[in-house]
Amino acid sequence: MIMNIPFIAAIIAILSSFYGSYSDIKEGVIRNKFTFPLIMLGIVLNGIYAYIIGLPWFFVLTLIYTAIIFGLCYLFWRVGAWAGGDVKLFTGLAALLPFAPAIVNYNILGINFPLVANYPFPFTLMINSILSILPFLLIYILFVSIKTKPHLLRELLEPVIDFKKTLVLTMVISSAVTITSIITPYLPLQIIILTLILLYLISFIISKLPDRLKAVIVSVVTVFALYKNFELAIIGIIFLLISLTVVRIIRKLLTTVSKEALQDDYTVNELEEGMISAHNIYETDDGIIVDKKGIFEKIKDVVTKGELSNLLTPPGKIIVTNMAAGLTEDNLEELKELVKEGKIKNKFTIKKGVPFAPSILIGVIISIFIGDLVLIIQKLIYSIFIYI
């Protein structure tokens, strides 16, 4: 029984995710009285397991992974991407499953499942959960587009409608791949990182050339590739074209399209308690500031400018936050007063809450029974190239 603790923890993780999904959909919240005991249960179970198997580092890593996942999820909460219940549910799952539970093992086409990544298993849980929300987000946006905002459908399908841009990029990368394959055998070191760097540099150089010169180089290299291996060149170009189109659609889905589909504008008198503001609103010495930066812009600022303080420290007095708890009665009164005084426009963007817990449930099931989706995608792409 004791040695089955990883199995028990996996079952608890699935049941907890199921309950969290039910609670998130029905009540719009995952309560602390559920998530806090879940975190403690995970820590206690893995502490007992580490003691039984005589490996104290197992328990130490459990605490470390749990703390790291909480820290990452906290950042998502700070920028308004996740609700507090999602953060604590993820933390509980990390405490329960610090390592991949070996409860199933099967083989498909010579590949052993579930696939386990080199990084800690809680990261697999998080990545799979984030990827799992994409299909639901796409379906919801299509529904909103067809029903109320038809222009969003065109915006989402813009990479398909305006395929010329993607086609040019495809031919540039395809030419860079061909040139790289010619140069690589003469490199002193035959390592994949060096090849990828070379591929990126060649793609960058070709893309920055004048249009006529670019067209000549791409045409000559493409003809050479077709002459050397016609089937390989055609399949490679088609694969690149489809892949780049899908990437552009996903980018649209996660940025401009989802932003508009999941937001509506209201006047101050139309606002209700519990509505979630799309933006943080601050009061500073210079006046009222409406922070319209999205999560990706904020993450970009952290990575490129090191502006981590903007995520943790507000630039002034907080009037309204974009946290999932929503507007309070005090918030509504203060906003009405600011509008009356002319300090802020009578137009407020409200975002629609989309339950994330169901995606966490799907991510947990995929992680336990199938494996890491990123690793699966990598193997799929590798298999395609091997086949080609």
Foldseek 3Di string as FASTA:
>chain_A
DLLCLLVVLLVVLLVLLVVQLVCCVPVVAQDPVSLVVLLVVLLVSQCSSCVVVVHVVSSVLLVVQLVVLLVVVVLCLLQLNDAPRVSSSLSSNSSSPQAFRPPDWDDDPRDIPDDADPDTLSVLLVVQLVVLCLVVLVVLLVVLCVPPNVVLVCVLQVCVVVVPVLLLLLLLLLLLLLVLVVCQVVDPDNDPVVSVVSSVVSSVVLVPDPPVVSVVSSVVSLVVVCVVPVVLSVVSSVVSSVVSSVVVSSVCSVPVSSVVSFKDKDFLVPDDFQFFFCWWWFQDPVAIDTDNDHPVNVVCCCVPVVVVCVSVPPPHHTLHHRHNSGHDPSSSVVVVVCVVVVRDPRMTMTGHDDRSSVSSSVSSVCCNTHRRPVVVVVVVVVVVSVVD
